[in-house]
Protein backbone atom coordinates (compact mmCIF):
# COMPACT_ATOMS: atom_id res chain seq x y z
CA UNK A 1 49.40 -0.04 72.01
CA UNK A 2 52.05 2.55 71.14
CA UNK A 3 52.36 4.66 68.01
CA UNK A 4 56.02 5.38 67.22
CA UNK A 5 55.29 7.04 63.89
CA UNK A 6 56.18 10.66 63.26
CA UNK A 7 54.28 13.36 61.34
CA UNK A 8 56.51 12.54 58.36
CA UNK A 9 55.23 8.96 58.38
CA UNK A 10 51.63 10.07 58.62
CA UNK A 11 51.78 12.47 55.66
CA UNK A 12 53.43 9.99 53.32
CA UNK A 13 57.11 10.84 53.83
CA UNK A 14 58.12 7.45 55.23
CA UNK A 15 61.21 7.22 53.01
CA UNK A 16 62.53 10.53 54.31
CA UNK A 17 61.87 9.50 57.92
CA UNK A 18 63.62 6.18 57.32
CA UNK A 19 66.70 7.93 55.96
CA UNK A 20 66.83 10.19 58.99
CA UNK A 21 66.49 7.21 61.33
CA UNK A 22 69.21 5.21 59.56
CA UNK A 23 71.57 8.16 59.89
CA UNK A 24 70.84 8.28 63.64
CA UNK A 25 71.07 4.51 64.16
CA UNK A 26 67.36 4.12 64.96
CA UNK A 27 65.29 1.10 64.00
CA UNK A 28 66.74 -2.40 64.32
CA UNK A 29 65.75 -6.00 63.60
CA UNK A 30 62.10 -7.01 63.51
CA UNK A 31 61.01 -10.55 62.74
CA UNK A 32 57.74 -12.10 61.61
CA UNK A 33 56.11 -15.49 62.10
CA UNK A 34 52.66 -16.82 61.27
CA UNK A 35 50.94 -18.73 64.06
CA UNK A 36 47.36 -19.99 63.79
CA UNK A 37 46.78 -17.87 60.72
CA UNK A 38 47.93 -14.61 62.30
CA UNK A 39 51.06 -12.66 61.41
CA UNK A 40 53.12 -11.96 64.53
CA UNK A 41 55.72 -9.20 64.29
CA UNK A 42 58.39 -8.90 66.97
CA UNK A 43 60.91 -6.16 67.77
CA UNK A 44 64.07 -8.00 68.77
CA UNK A 45 65.75 -6.49 71.83
CA UNK A 46 68.48 -8.39 73.64
CA UNK A 47 67.84 -9.15 77.34
CA UNK A 48 64.09 -8.51 77.01
CA UNK A 49 62.79 -12.07 76.87
CA UNK A 50 64.51 -12.65 73.54
CA UNK A 51 65.57 -16.24 74.38
CA UNK A 52 61.92 -17.26 74.64
CA UNK A 53 61.08 -15.61 71.33
CA UNK A 54 64.05 -17.24 69.61
CA UNK A 55 62.93 -20.65 70.81
CA UNK A 56 59.42 -19.98 69.47
CA UNK A 57 60.71 -18.87 66.09
CA UNK A 58 62.96 -21.93 65.76
CA UNK A 59 60.26 -24.43 66.68
CA UNK A 60 57.34 -22.81 64.83
CA UNK A 61 59.16 -21.75 61.68
CA UNK A 62 58.09 -23.43 58.44
CA UNK A 63 61.81 -23.35 57.56
CA UNK A 64 63.02 -25.18 60.68
CA UNK A 65 64.29 -28.17 58.67
CA UNK A 66 66.83 -25.79 57.12
CA UNK A 67 68.41 -24.88 60.46
CA UNK A 68 72.12 -25.64 60.18
CA UNK A 69 73.91 -27.57 62.91
CA UNK A 70 76.14 -24.68 63.97
CA UNK A 71 73.73 -21.85 63.20
CA UNK A 72 72.78 -19.41 65.93
CA UNK A 73 69.03 -18.85 66.36
CA UNK A 74 69.35 -15.15 65.56
CA UNK A 75 71.14 -15.93 62.29
CA UNK A 76 68.40 -18.39 61.32
CA UNK A 77 65.80 -15.72 62.05
CA UNK A 78 67.68 -13.21 59.93
CA UNK A 79 67.72 -15.65 57.02
CA UNK A 80 64.04 -16.52 57.02
CA UNK A 81 62.02 -14.17 59.21
CA UNK A 82 63.38 -10.64 58.99
CA UNK A 83 60.74 -7.99 58.29
CA UNK A 84 61.31 -4.88 56.23
CA UNK A 85 59.85 -1.61 57.45
CA UNK A 86 57.04 -1.86 54.91
CA UNK A 87 56.11 -5.33 56.21
CA UNK A 88 55.26 -4.11 59.70
CA UNK A 89 51.91 -2.67 58.67
CA UNK A 90 50.76 -6.14 57.61
CA UNK A 91 51.21 -7.69 61.05
CA UNK A 92 48.14 -8.64 63.06
CA UNK A 93 50.22 -8.15 66.19
CA UNK A 94 53.40 -6.08 66.42
CA UNK A 95 55.10 -6.78 69.75
CA UNK A 96 57.59 -4.73 71.73
CA UNK A 97 58.83 -6.02 75.09
CA UNK A 98 60.47 -3.47 77.38
CA UNK A 99 62.38 -3.63 80.63
CA UNK A 100 63.60 -1.22 83.28
CA UNK A 101 66.95 -0.08 81.84
CA UNK A 102 68.91 -0.52 85.07
CA UNK A 103 67.53 -4.03 85.58
CA UNK A 104 68.31 -4.84 81.96
CA UNK A 105 71.92 -3.73 82.43
CA UNK A 106 72.34 -5.81 85.58
CA UNK A 107 70.88 -8.86 83.86
CA UNK A 108 73.19 -8.41 80.88
CA UNK A 109 76.26 -8.01 83.09
CA UNK A 110 75.49 -11.14 85.07
CA UNK A 111 74.80 -13.17 81.94
CA UNK A 112 77.70 -11.96 79.79
CA UNK A 113 80.41 -11.09 82.29
CA UNK A 114 79.83 -13.44 85.24
CA UNK A 115 78.21 -16.48 83.62
CA UNK A 116 79.97 -15.69 80.31
CA UNK A 117 77.15 -16.99 78.16
CA UNK A 118 77.72 -16.18 74.48
CA UNK A 119 80.01 -13.38 75.55
CA UNK A 120 82.87 -13.40 73.03
CA UNK A 121 81.71 -10.35 71.05
CA UNK A 122 80.92 -8.10 74.01
CA UNK A 123 84.16 -9.08 75.78
CA UNK A 124 86.13 -8.15 72.67
CA UNK A 125 84.26 -4.85 72.39
CA UNK A 126 84.84 -4.10 76.07
CA UNK A 127 88.57 -4.80 75.99
CA UNK A 128 89.16 -2.88 72.77
CA UNK A 129 87.18 0.08 74.06
CA UNK A 130 88.66 0.57 77.53
CA UNK A 131 92.00 -1.20 77.08
CA UNK A 132 91.66 -3.47 80.10
CA UNK A 133 91.18 -7.27 80.26
CA UNK A 134 87.70 -8.30 81.34
CA UNK A 135 89.10 -10.37 84.22
CA UNK A 136 90.71 -7.32 85.84
CA UNK A 137 87.88 -4.90 85.16
CA UNK A 138 84.96 -4.17 87.49
CA UNK A 139 81.28 -3.41 87.15
CA UNK A 140 82.18 0.19 87.95
CA UNK A 141 84.53 0.20 84.94
CA UNK A 142 81.70 -1.14 82.83
CA UNK A 143 79.32 1.66 83.87
CA UNK A 144 81.65 4.64 84.17
CA UNK A 145 84.03 3.89 81.30
CA UNK A 146 82.55 1.50 78.74
CA UNK A 147 78.96 2.78 78.87
CA UNK A 148 80.13 6.40 78.76
CA UNK A 149 81.24 6.02 75.13
CA UNK A 150 79.18 6.71 72.02
CA UNK A 151 76.58 3.95 71.76
CA UNK A 152 77.38 3.57 68.05
CA UNK A 153 80.80 2.16 69.01
CA UNK A 154 79.55 -0.32 71.64
CA UNK A 155 78.21 -3.86 71.60
CA UNK A 156 74.56 -4.30 70.62
CA UNK A 157 73.64 -5.71 74.04
CA UNK A 158 73.96 -2.27 75.62
CA UNK A 159 72.06 -0.21 73.05
CA UNK A 160 69.07 1.71 74.41
CA UNK A 161 65.78 -0.05 73.88
CA UNK A 162 64.35 3.01 72.15
CA UNK A 163 66.83 2.70 69.28
CA UNK A 164 65.35 -0.67 68.31
CA UNK A 165 61.90 0.70 67.54
CA UNK A 166 60.78 1.23 63.96
CA UNK A 167 58.31 3.94 62.94
CA UNK A 168 55.27 1.75 63.38
CA UNK A 169 52.13 1.20 65.42
CA UNK A 170 52.94 -1.42 68.06
CA UNK A 171 49.75 -3.23 68.94
CA UNK A 172 51.19 -5.04 71.97
CA UNK A 173 53.64 -3.31 74.34
CA UNK A 174 54.59 -5.60 77.21
CA UNK A 175 56.78 -5.14 80.27
CA UNK A 176 59.04 -8.18 80.50
CA UNK A 177 57.50 -9.04 83.88
CA UNK A 178 54.11 -9.50 82.16
CA UNK A 179 55.31 -11.27 79.04
CA UNK A 180 53.48 -14.53 79.77
CA UNK A 181 50.12 -12.84 80.39
CA UNK A 182 50.56 -10.70 77.30
CA UNK A 183 51.47 -13.63 75.07
CA UNK A 184 48.46 -15.56 76.41
CA UNK A 185 46.25 -12.80 75.01
CA UNK A 186 48.08 -12.86 71.69
CA UNK A 187 48.75 -16.57 71.12
CA UNK A 188 46.47 -18.34 73.57
CA UNK A 189 47.44 -20.12 76.81
CA UNK A 190 48.80 -23.31 75.22
CA UNK A 191 51.39 -21.66 72.98
CA UNK A 192 52.23 -19.00 75.56
CA UNK A 193 52.86 -21.60 78.26
CA UNK A 194 55.19 -23.52 75.99
CA UNK A 195 57.49 -20.57 75.36
CA UNK A 196 56.84 -17.81 77.90
CA UNK A 197 55.69 -19.32 81.19
CA UNK A 198 59.28 -19.69 82.42
CA UNK A 199 62.22 -17.54 81.32
CA UNK A 200 64.56 -19.34 78.92
CA UNK A 201 67.64 -17.37 79.99
CA UNK A 202 70.27 -19.67 81.49
CA UNK A 203 71.08 -17.37 84.44
CA UNK A 204 67.55 -16.37 85.46
CA UNK A 205 67.31 -18.93 88.26
CA UNK A 206 70.81 -18.37 89.68
CA UNK A 207 70.42 -17.12 93.28
CA UNK A 208 71.67 -13.65 94.21
CA UNK A 209 73.21 -12.73 97.55
CA UNK A 210 74.93 -9.81 99.22
CA UNK A 211 78.59 -9.50 98.22
CA UNK A 212 80.60 -6.76 99.87
CA UNK A 213 81.83 -4.08 97.42
CA UNK A 214 80.86 -6.20 94.42
CA UNK A 215 80.86 -3.18 92.09
CA UNK A 216 84.57 -2.68 92.73
CA UNK A 217 85.73 -6.29 92.73
CA UNK A 218 87.53 -7.65 89.67
CA UNK A 219 85.17 -9.60 87.45
CA UNK A 220 87.37 -12.68 87.88
CA UNK A 221 86.36 -12.72 91.58
CA UNK A 222 82.67 -12.63 90.68
CA UNK A 223 83.20 -15.43 88.15
CA UNK A 224 84.92 -17.51 90.83
CA UNK A 225 82.03 -16.91 93.24
CA UNK A 226 79.59 -18.11 90.60
CA UNK A 227 81.62 -21.23 89.82
CA UNK A 228 82.31 -22.18 93.44
CA UNK A 229 79.10 -21.14 95.22
CA UNK A 230 76.59 -21.08 92.36
CA UNK A 231 75.43 -17.54 93.10
CA UNK A 232 75.90 -13.96 91.93
CA UNK A 233 75.92 -10.55 93.64
CA UNK A 234 72.50 -9.07 94.30
CA UNK A 235 71.38 -5.72 92.93
CA UNK A 236 72.34 -3.73 96.02
CA UNK A 237 75.86 -5.16 95.99
CA UNK A 238 76.48 -4.27 92.35
CA UNK A 239 74.66 -0.97 92.35
CA UNK A 240 75.64 1.72 94.85
CA UNK A 241 73.71 4.96 94.52
CA UNK A 242 76.26 6.71 92.32
CA UNK A 243 76.25 3.95 89.70
CA UNK A 244 72.45 3.71 89.78
CA UNK A 245 72.23 7.44 89.07
CA UNK A 246 74.71 7.18 86.20
CA UNK A 247 72.78 4.33 84.60
CA UNK A 248 69.46 6.16 84.89
CA UNK A 249 70.99 9.22 83.26
CA UNK A 250 72.66 7.19 80.52
CA UNK A 251 69.41 5.49 79.59
CA UNK A 252 67.18 8.54 80.04
CA UNK A 253 65.75 8.09 76.54
CA UNK A 254 64.48 4.64 77.53
CA UNK A 255 62.86 5.91 80.70
CA UNK A 256 61.13 8.62 78.68
CA UNK A 257 59.64 6.28 76.11
CA UNK A 258 58.67 3.68 78.72
CA UNK A 259 56.80 6.41 80.61
CA UNK A 260 55.04 7.39 77.36
CA UNK A 261 54.07 3.77 76.74
CA UNK A 262 52.71 3.40 80.25
CA UNK A 263 50.72 6.64 79.91
CA UNK A 264 49.22 5.36 76.66
CA UNK A 265 48.29 2.05 78.32
CA UNK A 266 46.60 3.82 81.25
CA UNK A 267 44.54 6.03 78.97
CA UNK A 268 43.43 3.19 76.67
């Protein structure tokens, strides 16, 4: 459990708090779905098990017959399942899944820049921001140049996890590594096994191996390695100490709130 409400929320000034948060870019999409008579609320954060949640929403939605042939799952969820801030209090379970920020960045880079899965928007953002084609850029460029810019100007995949949270009481706060166990408690083993036992991300099972100086190799070389050998650089190859330090500093707000969540869980 984690209470992300402020004193303003607790003394009846929710509207004022919401205006402040909107001005700061805080509080993003939350979606709701009823399963077995319980209202499940979910804070949508890219690269935090979201593929599994999207599959569950599509298959369990009472509106699934209205899914259009070319409609992305997230657009379907926005049409039928988006929750307003006032709706969050009515959820039996309000779920937030978090992930180590450095691991989340590595996962996103592999998925969007090496495997190139659903990557058109972030590639366009990257090239417009740093003025270099993706193929010639490196992971170092991504960290030191692209991620150094104002988050408000960058693609949504790289936004800090903290900025997604609404001012609400989250009943279930789960590290992504424990998502299956957590969803078993919430939904029961049968439903949890169907959607959360195995990651739905297309690159999760791709093997990683040591690749010399991977952080400084053009992305086109890493794409070629993936196509020809079916593997990707491991964490140590992509993340020399200087880049690891930069990422930890860049996502300091996430590390702070994750530590607060873990402290709350230990004291419960």
